[in-house]
Amino acid sequence: MFKKTTLALAVSGLLEGVQNSVSANQPYRLM
């Protein structure tokens, strides 16, 4: 079972990567 801190870091890192890739190509389309 994942700890909340580990899961939070994974999710925040994933969202940050998605926002970086999306903002590089297009405005926030996922929002």
PDB file of N, CA and C in Angstrom:
ATOM      1  N   MET A   1       0.847  -1.205   0.000  1.00  0.00           N
ATOM      2  CA  MET A   1       0.000   0.000   0.000  1.00  0.00           C
ATOM      3  C   MET A   1       0.886   1.259   0.000  1.00  0.00           C
ATOM      4  N   PHE A   2       0.526   2.205  -0.858  1.00  0.00           N
ATOM      5  CA  PHE A   2       1.295   3.439  -0.947  1.00  0.00           C
ATOM      6  C   PHE A   2       0.999   4.340   0.245  1.00  0.00           C
ATOM      7  N   LYS A   3       2.021   5.052   0.670  1.00  0.00           N
ATOM      8  CA  LYS A   3       1.798   6.070   1.702  1.00  0.00           C
ATOM      9  C   LYS A   3       1.223   7.314   1.036  1.00  0.00           C
ATOM     10  N   LYS A   4       0.487   8.093   1.798  1.00  0.00           N
ATOM     11  CA  LYS A   4      -0.147   9.289   1.233  1.00  0.00           C
ATOM     12  C   LYS A   4       0.899  10.256   0.683  1.00  0.00           C
ATOM     13  N   THR A   5       2.035  10.360   1.367  1.00  0.00           N
ATOM     14  CA  THR A   5       3.065  11.295   0.918  1.00  0.00           C
ATOM     15  C   THR A   5       3.639  10.854  -0.420  1.00  0.00           C
ATOM     16  N   THR A   6       3.907   9.561  -0.551  1.00  0.00           N
ATOM     17  CA  THR A   6       4.462   9.033  -1.793  1.00  0.00           C
ATOM     18  C   THR A   6       3.473   9.211  -2.930  1.00  0.00           C
ATOM     19  N   LEU A   7       2.216   8.928  -2.664  1.00  0.00           N
ATOM     20  CA  LEU A   7       1.176   9.062  -3.683  1.00  0.00           C
ATOM     21  C   LEU A   7       1.016  10.527  -4.082  1.00  0.00           C
ATOM     22  N   ALA A   8       1.046  11.414  -3.098  1.00  0.00           N
ATOM     23  CA  ALA A   8       0.906  12.849  -3.378  1.00  0.00           C
ATOM     24  C   ALA A   8       2.064  13.347  -4.238  1.00  0.00           C
ATOM     25  N   LEU A   9       3.275  12.913  -3.920  1.00  0.00           N
ATOM     26  CA  LEU A   9       4.440  13.325  -4.702  1.00  0.00           C
ATOM     27  C   LEU A   9       4.349  12.788  -6.126  1.00  0.00           C
ATOM     28  N   ALA A  10       3.896  11.557  -6.274  1.00  0.00           N
ATOM     29  CA  ALA A  10       3.767  10.959  -7.603  1.00  0.00           C
ATOM     30  C   ALA A  10       2.731  11.709  -8.427  1.00  0.00           C
ATOM     31  N   VAL A  11       1.590  12.010  -7.806  1.00  0.00           N
ATOM     32  CA  VAL A  11       0.514  12.714  -8.510  1.00  0.00           C
ATOM     33  C   VAL A  11       0.947  14.131  -8.869  1.00  0.00           C
ATOM     34  N   SER A  12       1.569  14.842  -7.934  1.00  0.00           N
ATOM     35  CA  SER A  12       1.996  16.219  -8.190  1.00  0.00           C
ATOM     36  C   SER A  12       3.052  16.258  -9.292  1.00  0.00           C
ATOM     37  N   GLY A  13       3.968  15.294  -9.268  1.00  0.00           N
ATOM     38  CA  GLY A  13       4.995  15.223 -10.305  1.00  0.00           C
ATOM     39  C   GLY A  13       4.387  14.927 -11.663  1.00  0.00           C
ATOM     40  N   LEU A  14       3.408  14.030 -11.675  1.00  0.00           N
ATOM     41  CA  LEU A  14       2.738  13.660 -12.921  1.00  0.00           C
ATOM     42  C   LEU A  14       1.979  14.859 -13.491  1.00  0.00           C
ATOM     43  N   LEU A  15       1.244  15.558 -12.629  1.00  0.00           N
ATOM     44  CA  LEU A  15       0.484  16.735 -13.071  1.00  0.00           C
ATOM     45  C   LEU A  15       1.424  17.823 -13.570  1.00  0.00           C
ATOM     46  N   GLU A  16       2.556  17.987 -12.901  1.00  0.00           N
ATOM     47  CA  GLU A  16       3.517  19.004 -13.309  1.00  0.00           C
ATOM     48  C   GLU A  16       4.069  18.690 -14.693  1.00  0.00           C
ATOM     49  N   GLY A  17       4.372  17.426 -14.929  1.00  0.00           N
ATOM     50  CA  GLY A  17       4.870  17.007 -16.236  1.00  0.00           C
ATOM     51  C   GLY A  17       3.828  17.211 -17.318  1.00  0.00           C
ATOM     52  N   VAL A  18       2.573  16.898 -16.997  1.00  0.00           N
ATOM     53  CA  VAL A  18       1.478  17.071 -17.958  1.00  0.00           C
ATOM     54  C   VAL A  18       1.289  18.547 -18.279  1.00  0.00           C
ATOM     55  N   GLN A  19       1.297  19.390 -17.260  1.00  0.00           N
ATOM     56  CA  GLN A  19       1.119  20.827 -17.472  1.00  0.00           C
ATOM     57  C   GLN A  19       2.257  21.390 -18.308  1.00  0.00           C
ATOM     58  N   ASN A  20       3.481  20.925 -18.067  1.00  0.00           N
ATOM     59  CA  ASN A  20       4.631  21.404 -18.829  1.00  0.00           C
ATOM     60  C   ASN A  20       4.502  21.014 -20.296  1.00  0.00           C
ATOM     61  N   SER A  21       4.142  19.774 -20.567  1.00  0.00           N
ATOM     62  CA  SER A  21       4.020  19.297 -21.944  1.00  0.00           C
ATOM     63  C   SER A  21       2.848  19.969 -22.651  1.00  0.00           C
ATOM     64  N   VAL A  22       1.738  20.161 -21.920  1.00  0.00           N
ATOM     65  CA  VAL A  22       0.549  20.781 -22.511  1.00  0.00           C
ATOM     66  C   VAL A  22       0.798  22.263 -22.779  1.00  0.00           C
ATOM     67  N   SER A  23       1.382  22.961 -21.827  1.00  0.00           N
ATOM     68  CA  SER A  23       1.620  24.396 -21.985  1.00  0.00           C
ATOM     69  C   SER A  23       2.632  24.651 -23.100  1.00  0.00           C
ATOM     70  N   ALA A  24       3.520  23.688 -23.337  1.00  0.00           N
ATOM     71  CA  ALA A  24       4.502  23.816 -24.409  1.00  0.00           C
ATOM     72  C   ALA A  24       3.825  23.705 -25.768  1.00  0.00           C
ATOM     73  N   ASN A  25       2.765  22.923 -25.847  1.00  0.00           N
ATOM     74  CA  ASN A  25       2.062  22.709 -27.112  1.00  0.00           C
ATOM     75  C   ASN A  25       0.841  23.606 -27.246  1.00  0.00           C
ATOM     76  N   GLN A  26      -0.052  23.550 -26.266  1.00  0.00           N
ATOM     77  CA  GLN A  26      -1.306  24.293 -26.340  1.00  0.00           C
ATOM     78  C   GLN A  26      -1.644  24.864 -24.971  1.00  0.00           C
ATOM     79  N   PRO A  27      -2.565  25.825 -24.921  1.00  0.00           N
ATOM     80  CA  PRO A  27      -3.093  26.291 -23.635  1.00  0.00           C
ATOM     81  C   PRO A  27      -3.773  25.145 -22.891  1.00  0.00           C
ATOM     82  N   TYR A  28      -4.078  25.345 -21.630  1.00  0.00           N
ATOM     83  CA  TYR A  28      -4.615  24.267 -20.798  1.00  0.00           C
ATOM     84  C   TYR A  28      -5.877  23.673 -21.400  1.00  0.00           C
ATOM     85  N   ARG A  29      -5.698  22.552 -22.066  1.00  0.00           N
ATOM     86  CA  ARG A  29      -6.804  21.883 -22.734  1.00  0.00           C
ATOM     87  C   ARG A  29      -7.481  20.887 -21.794  1.00  0.00           C
ATOM     88  N   LEU A  30      -6.694  20.362 -20.834  1.00  0.00           N
ATOM     89  CA  LEU A  30      -7.230  19.359 -19.910  1.00  0.00           C
ATOM     90  C   LEU A  30      -8.116  19.985 -18.843  1.00  0.00           C
ATOM     91  N   MET A  31      -7.956  21.281 -18.635  1.00  0.00           N
ATOM     92  CA  MET A  31      -8.724  21.939 -17.581  1.00  0.00           C
ATOM     93  C   MET A  31     -10.154  22.028 -18.008  1.00  0.00           C
TER      94      MET A  31
END
